[in-house]
Protein backbone atom coordinates (compact mmCIF):
# COMPACT_ATOMS: atom_id res chain seq x y z
CA UNK A 1 -0.09 -0.07 0.12
CA UNK A 2 1.33 3.43 -0.98
CA UNK A 3 2.11 6.16 1.85
CA UNK A 4 -0.39 8.16 1.36
CA UNK A 5 -1.05 11.93 2.37
CA UNK A 6 -4.51 14.07 2.22
CA UNK A 7 -4.41 17.48 3.02
CA UNK A 8 -7.31 19.86 4.14
CA UNK A 9 -8.37 22.31 6.55
CA UNK A 10 -11.99 22.84 6.79
CA UNK A 11 -12.04 26.79 6.66
CA UNK A 12 -10.88 26.43 3.00
CA UNK A 13 -14.45 25.74 2.13
CA UNK A 14 -16.42 28.34 4.01
CA UNK A 15 -15.89 31.25 2.13
CA UNK A 16 -18.42 32.14 -0.87
CA UNK A 17 -17.05 33.88 -3.98
CA UNK A 18 -20.57 34.96 -4.95
CA UNK A 19 -24.13 34.32 -4.86
CA UNK A 20 -24.34 32.79 -8.01
CA UNK A 21 -20.97 31.74 -8.74
CA UNK A 22 -20.41 28.46 -10.38
CA UNK A 23 -17.42 27.46 -8.19
CA UNK A 24 -18.15 26.43 -5.32
CA UNK A 25 -15.90 25.99 -2.50
CA UNK A 26 -17.88 23.53 -0.15
CA UNK A 27 -16.97 20.93 -2.91
CA UNK A 28 -14.10 20.18 -0.63
CA UNK A 29 -15.91 19.71 2.40
CA UNK A 30 -18.14 17.01 0.37
CA UNK A 31 -15.31 15.53 -0.63
CA UNK A 32 -13.72 15.38 2.98
CA UNK A 33 -16.72 14.21 4.19
CA UNK A 34 -17.35 11.13 1.41
CA UNK A 35 -13.64 9.87 2.22
CA UNK A 36 -13.96 10.15 5.78
CA UNK A 37 -17.08 7.96 5.25
CA UNK A 38 -15.26 5.54 3.77
CA UNK A 39 -12.80 5.35 6.40
CA UNK A 40 -9.53 6.72 4.38
CA UNK A 41 -7.83 8.18 6.53
CA UNK A 42 -7.54 5.40 8.67
CA UNK A 43 -4.61 4.19 6.66
CA UNK A 44 -2.95 7.61 5.62
CA UNK A 45 -2.01 10.73 6.95
CA UNK A 46 -4.72 13.56 7.34
CA UNK A 47 -2.84 17.14 7.26
CA UNK A 48 -3.95 20.21 8.10
CA UNK A 49 -2.10 22.92 6.25
CA UNK A 50 -1.09 26.50 7.18
CA UNK A 51 -1.04 29.78 5.06
CA UNK A 52 2.32 30.25 2.80
CA UNK A 53 4.15 33.27 3.72
CA UNK A 54 4.27 35.93 1.70
CA UNK A 55 7.79 35.04 0.42
CA UNK A 56 6.05 32.21 -1.18
CA UNK A 57 3.77 34.13 -3.00
CA UNK A 58 6.22 36.47 -4.64
CA UNK A 59 8.23 33.90 -5.98
CA UNK A 60 5.77 34.16 -8.60
CA UNK A 61 3.36 36.95 -8.03
CA UNK A 62 4.13 40.62 -8.35
CA UNK A 63 4.30 42.52 -4.93
CA UNK A 64 1.75 44.92 -6.78
CA UNK A 65 -0.57 42.22 -7.08
CA UNK A 66 -0.05 40.45 -3.90
CA UNK A 67 -0.96 44.05 -1.90
CA UNK A 68 -4.12 44.18 -4.18
CA UNK A 69 -5.24 41.22 -3.08
CA UNK A 70 -4.80 41.32 0.27
CA UNK A 71 -6.49 44.96 0.36
CA UNK A 72 -9.56 43.60 -2.03
CA UNK A 73 -9.67 40.64 0.78
CA UNK A 74 -10.38 43.23 3.74
CA UNK A 75 -12.82 44.80 1.62
CA UNK A 76 -11.52 48.00 0.64
CA UNK A 77 -12.42 49.76 -2.36
CA UNK A 78 -9.40 50.18 -4.96
CA UNK A 79 -9.95 51.74 -8.92
CA UNK A 80 -7.29 49.55 -9.71
CA UNK A 81 -9.07 46.34 -9.10
CA UNK A 82 -9.96 45.83 -12.91
CA UNK A 83 -6.24 45.77 -13.96
CA UNK A 84 -5.99 43.00 -11.66
CA UNK A 85 -8.85 41.16 -13.02
CA UNK A 86 -11.14 41.62 -10.32
CA UNK A 87 -14.80 42.28 -10.71
CA UNK A 88 -17.91 41.89 -9.00
CA UNK A 89 -19.65 40.63 -11.99
CA UNK A 90 -16.74 38.99 -13.57
CA UNK A 91 -15.41 35.55 -13.05
CA UNK A 92 -12.66 36.86 -10.09
CA UNK A 93 -15.20 38.74 -7.65
CA UNK A 94 -13.38 40.18 -4.69
CA UNK A 95 -14.08 38.29 -1.43
CA UNK A 96 -13.94 38.48 2.31
CA UNK A 97 -10.85 36.37 3.32
CA UNK A 98 -9.75 35.71 -0.37
CA UNK A 99 -5.95 36.52 0.74
CA UNK A 100 -5.97 33.87 3.43
CA UNK A 101 -8.21 31.26 1.52
CA UNK A 102 -5.67 31.43 -1.30
CA UNK A 103 -2.61 31.67 0.89
CA UNK A 104 -3.57 28.28 1.96
CA UNK A 105 -4.18 26.60 -0.98
CA UNK A 106 -0.47 27.63 -1.93
CA UNK A 107 0.46 26.57 1.75
CA UNK A 108 -1.44 23.00 1.14
CA UNK A 109 0.39 22.77 -2.26
CA UNK A 110 4.08 23.72 -0.73
CA UNK A 111 3.35 21.33 2.25
CA UNK A 112 2.50 18.59 -0.52
CA UNK A 113 5.59 19.23 -2.16
CA UNK A 114 7.60 19.05 1.28
CA UNK A 115 6.04 15.86 2.49
CA UNK A 116 6.70 14.18 -0.89
CA UNK A 117 10.31 15.58 -1.50
CA UNK A 118 11.55 14.50 2.32
CA UNK A 119 9.92 10.81 1.32
CA UNK A 120 7.30 11.12 3.79
CA UNK A 121 4.76 9.54 1.89
CA UNK A 122 5.08 8.76 -2.06
CA UNK A 123 1.73 10.58 -2.78
CA UNK A 124 0.19 14.05 -0.96
CA UNK A 125 -3.11 15.39 -2.39
CA UNK A 126 -4.34 18.89 -1.85
CA UNK A 127 -8.04 19.06 -3.36
CA UNK A 128 -7.49 22.96 -2.81
CA UNK A 129 -4.87 23.16 -5.12
CA UNK A 130 -4.48 22.85 -8.84
CA UNK A 131 -5.25 26.70 -9.29
CA UNK A 132 -3.87 26.89 -13.22
CA UNK A 133 -4.66 29.83 -14.69
CA UNK A 134 -3.17 32.54 -12.05
CA UNK A 135 -0.50 34.91 -13.65
CA UNK A 136 2.03 36.99 -12.17
CA UNK A 137 0.18 39.94 -11.68
CA UNK A 138 -3.69 39.05 -11.99
CA UNK A 139 -6.25 36.57 -10.79
CA UNK A 140 -7.56 34.28 -14.06
CA UNK A 141 -10.26 31.93 -14.12
CA UNK A 142 -11.33 31.45 -10.76
CA UNK A 143 -7.59 31.42 -9.70
CA UNK A 144 -6.23 34.13 -7.31
CA UNK A 145 -2.44 32.55 -6.55
CA UNK A 146 -0.80 29.94 -8.88
CA UNK A 147 -0.45 27.19 -5.97
CA UNK A 148 1.38 24.73 -8.61
CA UNK A 149 3.75 27.44 -10.07
CA UNK A 150 4.76 27.86 -6.72
CA UNK A 151 5.00 24.57 -5.29
CA UNK A 152 7.03 23.49 -8.59
CA UNK A 153 9.30 26.62 -8.01
CA UNK A 154 10.28 24.96 -4.55
CA UNK A 155 10.91 21.71 -5.83
CA UNK A 156 13.26 23.19 -8.50
CA UNK A 157 14.69 25.17 -6.11
CA UNK A 158 16.22 21.87 -4.51
CA UNK A 159 17.52 20.81 -7.76
CA UNK A 160 14.56 18.53 -9.07
CA UNK A 161 13.44 17.79 -12.40
CA UNK A 162 9.76 17.79 -12.46
CA UNK A 163 6.49 16.78 -14.87
CA UNK A 164 3.33 18.65 -14.68
CA UNK A 165 0.57 16.61 -16.30
CA UNK A 166 -2.69 18.76 -16.44
CA UNK A 167 -5.91 16.65 -16.77
CA UNK A 168 -8.03 19.64 -16.12
CA UNK A 169 -10.76 20.62 -18.97
CA UNK A 170 -9.13 23.88 -19.25
CA UNK A 171 -5.93 24.78 -20.47
CA UNK A 172 -3.31 24.92 -17.80
CA UNK A 173 -1.91 28.29 -19.27
CA UNK A 174 -0.56 29.86 -16.13
CA UNK A 175 2.02 26.95 -15.29
CA UNK A 176 2.86 26.49 -18.97
CA UNK A 177 3.49 30.68 -18.62
CA UNK A 178 5.96 29.91 -15.30
CA UNK A 179 7.88 27.64 -17.49
CA UNK A 180 7.94 28.41 -21.01
CA UNK A 181 11.83 28.76 -21.28
CA UNK A 182 12.63 26.08 -18.84
CA UNK A 183 13.84 22.41 -19.58
CA UNK A 184 13.88 21.59 -15.87
CA UNK A 185 9.95 21.48 -15.74
CA UNK A 186 7.91 19.30 -18.52
CA UNK A 187 4.40 20.55 -18.54
CA UNK A 188 1.82 18.61 -20.32
CA UNK A 189 -2.10 19.82 -20.73
CA UNK A 190 -4.82 17.72 -22.19
CA UNK A 191 -7.79 20.03 -22.23
CA UNK A 192 -10.67 20.92 -24.35
CA UNK A 193 -9.86 22.99 -27.64
CA UNK A 194 -9.59 26.33 -26.89
CA UNK A 195 -11.97 27.67 -29.96
CA UNK A 196 -14.55 26.00 -27.56
CA UNK A 197 -13.27 26.63 -23.96
CA UNK A 198 -11.84 29.35 -21.54
CA UNK A 199 -8.97 30.30 -21.51
CA UNK A 200 -8.43 29.69 -25.46
CA UNK A 201 -5.08 29.00 -25.26
CA UNK A 202 -3.09 25.61 -25.50
CA UNK A 203 -2.52 24.91 -29.07
CA UNK A 204 -0.18 22.18 -30.57
CA UNK A 205 2.26 24.67 -31.14
CA UNK A 206 2.91 25.88 -28.32
CA UNK A 207 6.04 24.18 -27.55
CA UNK A 208 8.31 26.39 -25.70
CA UNK A 209 10.95 28.61 -26.05
CA UNK A 210 14.86 28.99 -25.94
CA UNK A 211 15.98 26.26 -23.79
CA UNK A 212 12.48 25.24 -22.93
CA UNK A 213 11.62 24.35 -26.68
CA UNK A 214 9.78 21.13 -26.85
CA UNK A 215 9.07 21.32 -22.96
CA UNK A 216 5.67 22.69 -23.55
CA UNK A 217 3.43 20.14 -24.66
CA UNK A 218 -0.60 20.65 -25.31
CA UNK A 219 -3.16 18.31 -26.44
CA UNK A 220 -6.24 20.23 -27.24
CA UNK A 221 -9.14 17.64 -27.55
CA UNK A 222 -12.34 18.07 -29.22
CA UNK A 223 -16.02 18.54 -27.52
CA UNK A 224 -17.42 15.22 -26.63
CA UNK A 225 -14.40 13.20 -26.40
CA UNK A 226 -15.41 10.22 -24.15
CA UNK A 227 -13.43 7.91 -22.35
CA UNK A 228 -11.83 5.58 -24.88
CA UNK A 229 -10.39 8.59 -27.49
CA UNK A 230 -9.46 10.39 -24.16
CA UNK A 231 -7.71 7.29 -22.99
CA UNK A 232 -5.77 6.59 -26.25
CA UNK A 233 -4.56 10.07 -26.89
CA UNK A 234 -3.06 10.02 -22.91
CA UNK A 235 -1.35 6.96 -23.18
CA UNK A 236 -0.06 7.76 -26.89
CA UNK A 237 1.63 11.22 -25.60
CA UNK A 238 2.14 11.44 -21.82
CA UNK A 239 3.78 8.01 -20.57
CA UNK A 240 6.61 8.15 -23.28
CA UNK A 241 7.43 11.90 -22.54
CA UNK A 242 7.23 11.25 -19.01
CA UNK A 243 9.25 8.53 -19.02
CA UNK A 244 11.83 9.78 -21.26
CA UNK A 245 12.35 12.93 -19.30
CA UNK A 246 13.03 10.98 -16.27
CA UNK A 247 11.54 13.31 -13.33
CA UNK A 248 12.27 13.36 -9.73
CA UNK A 249 8.63 13.65 -8.96
CA UNK A 250 5.41 14.23 -10.65
CA UNK A 251 2.83 16.77 -10.23
CA UNK A 252 -0.68 16.68 -11.59
CA UNK A 253 -3.71 18.76 -11.71
CA UNK A 254 -6.54 16.71 -11.47
CA UNK A 255 -9.43 18.94 -12.41
CA UNK A 256 -12.48 16.60 -12.90
CA UNK A 257 -14.37 19.23 -15.06
CA UNK A 258 -13.99 16.55 -18.12
CA UNK A 259 -16.87 14.65 -16.70
CA UNK A 260 -20.44 14.43 -18.72
CA UNK A 261 -22.21 16.19 -16.11
CA UNK A 262 -19.99 19.13 -15.70
CA UNK A 263 -21.90 22.38 -16.66
CA UNK A 264 -19.35 24.25 -18.03
CA UNK A 265 -17.22 22.13 -20.26
CA UNK A 266 -18.22 20.00 -23.19
CA UNK A 267 -15.95 16.54 -22.75
CA UNK A 268 -18.09 13.21 -22.15
CA UNK A 269 -15.47 11.06 -19.89
CA UNK A 270 -17.43 9.03 -17.04
CA UNK A 271 -16.00 8.32 -13.31
CA UNK A 272 -14.66 5.12 -14.90
CA UNK A 273 -12.28 7.18 -17.86
CA UNK A 274 -10.94 9.64 -15.02
CA UNK A 275 -10.18 6.87 -12.56
CA UNK A 276 -8.43 5.09 -15.07
CA UNK A 277 -6.29 8.21 -16.02
CA UNK A 278 -5.38 8.91 -12.80
CA UNK A 279 -3.92 4.85 -12.82
CA UNK A 280 -1.98 5.77 -15.57
CA UNK A 281 -0.35 8.53 -13.89
CA UNK A 282 -0.13 6.37 -10.76
CA UNK A 283 1.94 4.56 -12.91
CA UNK A 284 4.59 7.07 -13.85
CA UNK A 285 4.96 8.51 -10.44
CA UNK A 286 7.09 6.66 -7.48
CA UNK A 287 6.86 10.25 -6.00
CA UNK A 288 3.51 12.24 -6.65
CA UNK A 289 2.25 15.47 -5.77
CA UNK A 290 -1.15 15.61 -6.64
CA UNK A 291 -3.51 18.87 -6.74
CA UNK A 292 -7.24 19.65 -7.30
CA UNK A 293 -8.37 21.71 -10.07
CA UNK A 294 -12.09 22.19 -11.93
CA UNK A 295 -14.83 20.38 -11.17
CA UNK A 296 -18.75 22.29 -11.33
CA UNK A 297 -20.94 19.35 -10.19
CA UNK A 298 -20.72 19.03 -6.46
CA UNK A 299 -21.54 15.09 -6.34
CA UNK A 300 -19.15 14.60 -9.58
CA UNK A 301 -16.29 16.35 -7.76
CA UNK A 302 -16.80 14.28 -4.40
CA UNK A 303 -17.10 11.02 -6.29
CA UNK A 304 -14.24 11.63 -8.98
CA UNK A 305 -11.90 12.69 -5.89
CA UNK A 306 -12.85 10.12 -3.80
CA UNK A 307 -11.98 7.70 -6.71
CA UNK A 308 -8.72 9.49 -7.51
CA UNK A 309 -7.36 9.49 -3.79
CA UNK A 310 -8.51 5.28 -3.64
CA UNK A 311 -6.26 5.03 -6.80
CA UNK A 312 -2.93 7.13 -4.96
CA UNK A 313 -3.46 4.94 -1.75
CA UNK A 314 -4.03 1.91 -3.28
CA UNK A 315 -7.29 1.54 -2.14
CA UNK A 316 -10.81 0.05 -3.67
CA UNK A 317 -13.59 1.93 -1.99
CA UNK A 318 -17.15 -0.12 -2.23
CA UNK A 319 -19.63 1.20 -5.00
CA UNK A 320 -22.27 1.93 -2.56
CA UNK A 321 -22.03 5.20 -0.56
CA UNK A 322 -22.25 4.77 3.21
CA UNK A 323 -25.35 4.92 4.38
CA UNK A 324 -24.93 8.16 6.48
CA UNK A 325 -23.13 10.18 3.65
CA UNK A 326 -26.22 8.98 1.45
CA UNK A 327 -28.93 10.30 3.81
CA UNK A 328 -27.23 13.54 4.72
CA UNK A 329 -26.28 14.30 0.58
CA UNK A 330 -28.28 12.02 -1.39
CA UNK A 331 -25.61 10.20 -3.43
CA UNK A 332 -25.75 6.90 -3.85
CA UNK A 333 -23.21 5.17 -6.10
CA UNK A 334 -19.51 6.08 -6.06
CA UNK A 335 -19.21 5.20 -9.30
CA UNK A 336 -21.55 6.26 -12.57
CA UNK A 337 -24.16 3.35 -13.29
CA UNK A 338 -23.71 4.06 -17.39
CA UNK A 339 -22.04 6.29 -19.93
CA UNK A 340 -23.42 9.28 -21.91
CA UNK A 341 -24.97 8.47 -25.46
CA UNK A 342 -22.98 10.52 -28.01
CA UNK A 343 -24.02 11.19 -31.98
CA UNK A 344 -21.65 8.60 -34.02
CA UNK A 345 -21.04 11.59 -35.97
CA UNK A 346 -19.32 13.57 -33.16
CA UNK A 347 -17.62 10.66 -31.71
CA UNK A 348 -15.90 10.16 -35.24
CA UNK A 349 -15.00 13.47 -35.19
CA UNK A 350 -13.39 13.78 -31.98
CA UNK A 351 -11.60 10.83 -32.50
CA UNK A 352 -10.21 12.34 -35.86
CA UNK A 353 -9.17 15.14 -34.14
CA UNK A 354 -7.37 13.74 -31.25
CA UNK A 355 -5.37 11.63 -34.01
CA UNK A 356 -4.54 14.67 -35.70
CA UNK A 357 -3.06 16.37 -32.65
CA UNK A 358 -1.45 13.00 -31.49
CA UNK A 359 -0.08 12.54 -34.96
CA UNK A 360 1.33 16.27 -34.84
CA UNK A 361 2.84 16.15 -31.18
CA UNK A 362 4.57 13.17 -32.43
CA UNK A 363 6.08 15.15 -35.64
CA UNK A 364 7.27 18.16 -33.69
CA UNK A 365 7.62 17.37 -29.85
CA UNK A 366 8.78 13.54 -29.78
CA UNK A 367 12.04 14.17 -32.11
CA UNK A 368 13.16 16.51 -29.54
CA UNK A 369 13.34 14.29 -26.61
CA UNK A 370 14.66 11.66 -29.32
CA UNK A 371 11.57 9.46 -29.39
């Protein structure tokens, strides 16, 4: 059984971005309670994070931006809020305790990285992390501080080579930006094609720059991509590159908004497909820092991340959800009972698009790594 750590503090799920915001932090509490109902923490570490220090935030973010987040978090009015991409009506509304919970998400990812780097555990999962859109000087896509970048920077500073794999439906643009000119970090993102989904980036041609040429890898996929096509594309690209790169540690962003019930995206993955992708990652990673990410259907998030943690800890959870949790939240089964029906022409189009992307990466990226 793998030594696993789950990093969580209830305070991370109490805040509200805005009344009708699709990003609901209490999905974290739901996941924690579901895992707890399965007795997941009897055989693994449950660790409470602390807020990251300001010096940690400044390893990636600008001082002006960090100060703006602090003041907006205190409820102060700022004429320059829009310059930092904050707006009451937009994706990134300022809210009370914004600085504190965002800094704690970073602290949780730094803690995960430390536990794994020291050899105290084999894998650590920070479900509050994976905020992969945040840029050095502004918020983006519900993400205030980029915990993934800051955690990876802390590991690179120790001389480690890191492979970052992002399976969120949205492109991991902030992480790619941070390491676009570096050959110390291999970033791989599989995501819905930017023509149809935020942030609109992540084309196959974005391959890095300078020393980083060939170390940024993007595989955009078509709407209605299903389990079979996604898994085929993943296996064609990710294992060969990661195995060739020989990282000291794997850092993954495990957004589960690829699920067919997600209200923001257009993929058609099931919990079975998602868990199989996480299993593929487990095979690649003797040392593994796992981060959360997107997921906007509350029940799917709790079920998918519970399955993911089972893969990490090498535990199999019964499909029938424990009675107390069922009665409180109404979720009865951990795994999907079926798969969505997809029009055959859409399924074929998604497969052809994936095949084109895979072929292009094998032409452009693989030779740079002598594959």
